[in-house]
N, C-alpha and C. Protein backbone atom coordinates (compact mmCIF):
# COMPACT_ATOMS: atom_id res chain seq x y z
N MET A 1 100.82 -82.80 -30.14
CA MET A 1 99.52 -82.18 -30.00
C MET A 1 99.29 -81.06 -31.01
N ARG A 2 100.33 -80.55 -31.55
CA ARG A 2 100.22 -79.43 -32.47
C ARG A 2 99.40 -79.77 -33.71
N ASP A 3 99.36 -81.06 -34.13
CA ASP A 3 98.67 -81.42 -35.35
C ASP A 3 97.17 -81.66 -35.15
N GLN A 4 96.70 -81.61 -33.92
CA GLN A 4 95.29 -81.79 -33.65
C GLN A 4 94.55 -80.46 -33.82
N HIS A 5 93.25 -80.56 -33.87
CA HIS A 5 92.39 -79.38 -33.92
C HIS A 5 92.58 -78.57 -32.63
N VAL A 6 92.77 -77.29 -32.77
CA VAL A 6 92.98 -76.42 -31.61
C VAL A 6 91.63 -76.08 -31.00
N PRO A 7 91.42 -76.40 -29.72
CA PRO A 7 90.15 -76.10 -29.08
C PRO A 7 89.96 -74.60 -28.87
N ILE A 8 88.71 -74.21 -28.79
CA ILE A 8 88.33 -72.81 -28.57
C ILE A 8 87.83 -72.66 -27.14
N CYS A 9 88.26 -71.60 -26.48
CA CYS A 9 87.75 -71.28 -25.14
C CYS A 9 86.28 -70.92 -25.27
N GLY A 10 85.42 -71.68 -24.64
CA GLY A 10 83.98 -71.45 -24.74
C GLY A 10 83.54 -70.11 -24.18
N GLU A 11 84.22 -69.65 -23.17
CA GLU A 11 83.83 -68.38 -22.54
C GLU A 11 84.29 -67.17 -23.34
N HIS A 12 85.51 -67.23 -23.88
CA HIS A 12 86.08 -66.05 -24.55
C HIS A 12 86.12 -66.16 -26.07
N GLN A 13 85.77 -67.34 -26.61
CA GLN A 13 85.74 -67.57 -28.06
C GLN A 13 87.08 -67.27 -28.74
N ILE A 14 88.17 -67.69 -28.09
CA ILE A 14 89.51 -67.55 -28.66
C ILE A 14 90.20 -68.92 -28.60
N SER A 15 91.18 -69.12 -29.47
CA SER A 15 91.91 -70.39 -29.51
C SER A 15 92.73 -70.58 -28.24
N LYS A 16 92.70 -71.83 -27.74
CA LYS A 16 93.55 -72.16 -26.61
C LYS A 16 94.96 -72.43 -27.10
N GLU A 17 95.92 -72.40 -26.18
CA GLU A 17 97.33 -72.62 -26.50
C GLU A 17 97.81 -73.89 -25.83
N TRP A 18 98.63 -74.69 -26.55
CA TRP A 18 99.22 -75.91 -26.01
C TRP A 18 100.49 -75.51 -25.27
N LYS A 19 100.45 -75.58 -23.93
CA LYS A 19 101.61 -75.15 -23.15
C LYS A 19 101.56 -75.75 -21.75
N PRO A 20 102.68 -75.68 -21.03
CA PRO A 20 102.70 -76.24 -19.68
C PRO A 20 101.92 -75.36 -18.71
N THR A 21 101.29 -76.02 -17.76
CA THR A 21 100.55 -75.34 -16.70
C THR A 21 100.70 -76.17 -15.43
N THR A 22 100.10 -75.73 -14.36
CA THR A 22 100.15 -76.47 -13.10
C THR A 22 98.79 -77.10 -12.83
N PHE A 23 98.80 -78.41 -12.64
CA PHE A 23 97.59 -79.13 -12.24
C PHE A 23 97.50 -79.07 -10.73
N GLU A 24 96.32 -78.76 -10.20
CA GLU A 24 96.12 -78.68 -8.76
C GLU A 24 94.92 -79.52 -8.35
N SER A 25 95.06 -80.21 -7.23
CA SER A 25 93.98 -81.02 -6.68
C SER A 25 93.93 -80.82 -5.17
N ASP A 26 92.74 -80.64 -4.64
CA ASP A 26 92.53 -80.52 -3.20
C ASP A 26 91.52 -81.58 -2.77
N GLU A 27 91.91 -82.37 -1.78
CA GLU A 27 91.01 -83.40 -1.27
C GLU A 27 91.17 -83.49 0.24
N ASP A 28 90.10 -83.30 0.95
CA ASP A 28 90.09 -83.41 2.41
C ASP A 28 91.20 -82.59 3.06
N GLY A 29 91.41 -81.38 2.56
CA GLY A 29 92.41 -80.51 3.14
C GLY A 29 93.84 -80.78 2.71
N VAL A 30 94.04 -81.72 1.81
CA VAL A 30 95.37 -82.01 1.28
C VAL A 30 95.44 -81.47 -0.14
N SER A 31 96.44 -80.64 -0.40
CA SER A 31 96.61 -80.02 -1.71
C SER A 31 97.81 -80.65 -2.42
N ILE A 32 97.59 -81.02 -3.68
CA ILE A 32 98.65 -81.59 -4.49
C ILE A 32 98.78 -80.76 -5.76
N GLN A 33 100.02 -80.40 -6.10
CA GLN A 33 100.28 -79.63 -7.31
C GLN A 33 101.29 -80.37 -8.17
N ALA A 34 101.02 -80.38 -9.47
CA ALA A 34 101.94 -80.98 -10.44
C ALA A 34 102.27 -79.90 -11.47
N PRO A 35 103.47 -79.32 -11.40
CA PRO A 35 103.83 -78.26 -12.34
C PRO A 35 104.26 -78.81 -13.69
N ASN A 36 104.25 -77.96 -14.69
CA ASN A 36 104.75 -78.27 -16.03
C ASN A 36 104.04 -79.42 -16.71
N VAL A 37 102.72 -79.47 -16.56
CA VAL A 37 101.90 -80.47 -17.24
C VAL A 37 101.30 -79.79 -18.47
N TYR A 38 101.48 -80.39 -19.65
CA TYR A 38 100.96 -79.77 -20.87
C TYR A 38 99.45 -79.92 -20.96
N ALA A 39 98.81 -78.84 -21.40
CA ALA A 39 97.36 -78.80 -21.56
C ALA A 39 97.01 -77.70 -22.55
N TRP A 40 95.77 -77.70 -22.99
CA TRP A 40 95.25 -76.59 -23.79
C TRP A 40 94.81 -75.52 -22.80
N VAL A 41 95.40 -74.34 -22.90
CA VAL A 41 95.20 -73.29 -21.90
C VAL A 41 94.64 -72.04 -22.57
N SER A 42 93.62 -71.46 -21.95
CA SER A 42 93.06 -70.20 -22.45
C SER A 42 94.05 -69.08 -22.16
N PRO A 43 94.43 -68.32 -23.20
CA PRO A 43 95.37 -67.22 -22.97
C PRO A 43 94.74 -66.07 -22.18
N ARG A 44 93.44 -66.04 -22.12
CA ARG A 44 92.75 -64.95 -21.43
C ARG A 44 92.71 -65.17 -19.92
N ASP A 45 92.28 -66.38 -19.49
CA ASP A 45 92.11 -66.59 -18.04
C ASP A 45 92.91 -67.76 -17.48
N GLY A 46 93.67 -68.46 -18.33
CA GLY A 46 94.52 -69.55 -17.84
C GLY A 46 93.79 -70.85 -17.58
N GLU A 47 92.50 -70.93 -17.91
CA GLU A 47 91.72 -72.15 -17.71
C GLU A 47 92.32 -73.26 -18.58
N ALA A 48 92.66 -74.40 -17.96
CA ALA A 48 93.33 -75.49 -18.66
C ALA A 48 92.37 -76.63 -18.98
N SER A 49 92.57 -77.24 -20.15
CA SER A 49 91.86 -78.44 -20.55
C SER A 49 92.90 -79.51 -20.81
N PHE A 50 92.90 -80.56 -20.00
CA PHE A 50 93.87 -81.63 -20.13
C PHE A 50 93.33 -82.71 -21.06
N THR A 51 94.23 -83.38 -21.78
CA THR A 51 93.80 -84.47 -22.64
C THR A 51 93.30 -85.62 -21.77
N PRO A 52 92.47 -86.51 -22.33
CA PRO A 52 92.00 -87.65 -21.53
C PRO A 52 93.13 -88.50 -20.98
N GLU A 53 94.19 -88.70 -21.78
CA GLU A 53 95.32 -89.52 -21.33
C GLU A 53 96.02 -88.86 -20.15
N THR A 54 96.23 -87.55 -20.24
CA THR A 54 96.89 -86.82 -19.15
C THR A 54 96.01 -86.83 -17.91
N THR A 55 94.71 -86.66 -18.10
CA THR A 55 93.78 -86.69 -16.96
C THR A 55 93.85 -88.02 -16.24
N ASP A 56 93.88 -89.12 -17.00
CA ASP A 56 93.98 -90.46 -16.38
C ASP A 56 95.25 -90.59 -15.56
N GLU A 57 96.36 -90.12 -16.11
CA GLU A 57 97.64 -90.19 -15.39
C GLU A 57 97.63 -89.32 -14.13
N LEU A 58 97.04 -88.14 -14.24
CA LEU A 58 96.98 -87.24 -13.08
C LEU A 58 96.11 -87.82 -11.98
N ILE A 59 94.99 -88.40 -12.34
CA ILE A 59 94.11 -89.02 -11.33
C ILE A 59 94.84 -90.16 -10.62
N ALA A 60 95.55 -91.00 -11.39
CA ALA A 60 96.29 -92.11 -10.78
C ALA A 60 97.37 -91.59 -9.83
N THR A 61 98.06 -90.54 -10.24
CA THR A 61 99.12 -89.97 -9.41
C THR A 61 98.55 -89.37 -8.13
N VAL A 62 97.46 -88.65 -8.24
CA VAL A 62 96.83 -88.05 -7.05
C VAL A 62 96.40 -89.15 -6.09
N ARG A 63 95.83 -90.22 -6.61
CA ARG A 63 95.40 -91.33 -5.74
C ARG A 63 96.59 -91.95 -5.01
N GLU A 64 97.73 -92.05 -5.69
CA GLU A 64 98.93 -92.60 -5.05
C GLU A 64 99.47 -91.68 -3.97
N LEU A 65 99.33 -90.39 -4.14
CA LEU A 65 99.91 -89.42 -3.20
C LEU A 65 98.99 -89.06 -2.04
N ILE A 66 97.69 -89.10 -2.25
CA ILE A 66 96.75 -88.58 -1.26
C ILE A 66 96.74 -89.40 0.04
N THR A 67 96.78 -90.71 -0.05
CA THR A 67 96.72 -91.54 1.15
C THR A 67 97.92 -91.33 2.06
N PRO A 68 99.17 -91.39 1.55
CA PRO A 68 100.30 -91.13 2.45
C PRO A 68 100.31 -89.69 2.97
N ALA A 69 99.84 -88.74 2.17
CA ALA A 69 99.79 -87.35 2.64
C ALA A 69 98.81 -87.21 3.80
N LYS A 70 97.66 -87.89 3.71
CA LYS A 70 96.68 -87.83 4.81
C LYS A 70 97.24 -88.48 6.06
N ARG A 71 97.94 -89.63 5.90
CA ARG A 71 98.54 -90.30 7.06
C ARG A 71 99.59 -89.42 7.72
N THR A 72 100.38 -88.74 6.90
CA THR A 72 101.41 -87.85 7.43
C THR A 72 100.77 -86.71 8.20
N ARG A 73 99.70 -86.15 7.64
CA ARG A 73 98.99 -85.05 8.32
C ARG A 73 98.44 -85.53 9.67
N GLU A 74 97.90 -86.72 9.72
CA GLU A 74 97.34 -87.27 10.96
C GLU A 74 98.41 -87.46 12.02
N ARG A 75 99.65 -87.77 11.58
CA ARG A 75 100.74 -87.93 12.54
C ARG A 75 101.27 -86.59 13.02
N GLY A 76 100.86 -85.51 12.35
CA GLY A 76 101.26 -84.18 12.81
C GLY A 76 102.41 -83.55 12.06
N SER A 77 102.88 -84.19 11.01
CA SER A 77 103.94 -83.58 10.23
C SER A 77 103.58 -83.68 8.76
N MET A 78 103.87 -82.63 8.01
CA MET A 78 103.58 -82.60 6.58
C MET A 78 104.88 -82.74 5.80
N PRO A 79 104.81 -83.43 4.67
CA PRO A 79 106.03 -83.53 3.83
C PRO A 79 106.41 -82.17 3.28
N THR A 80 107.68 -81.98 3.03
CA THR A 80 108.14 -80.69 2.50
C THR A 80 108.11 -80.65 0.99
N GLU A 81 108.01 -81.80 0.33
CA GLU A 81 107.93 -81.83 -1.14
C GLU A 81 106.80 -82.71 -1.59
C-alpha cells in the first residue's frame, strides 16, 4: 500500500497513515471487533478508511459471525472470544 497515493483526511486536511487499527461492527446488539486490520488512518482522530478489498473481506466475516452470535445470545450465553 505504500506505493499508492496517500489519502488526505477531509476533515483535518492532513495525510492519513497506513497502519493497523480495529474494525468494529454492531448489529442488533451484537458487537464484533477485528483488531490489527490495516487501513488508512487519520493521525488526528483515528478515523479509518479501509480499502475496497479489505471492506469486502470484513463484510463477509461479519456475516459469518453475526448469525451464530445472535443464536448464542438467544440461548442465554455469549461466546468469550
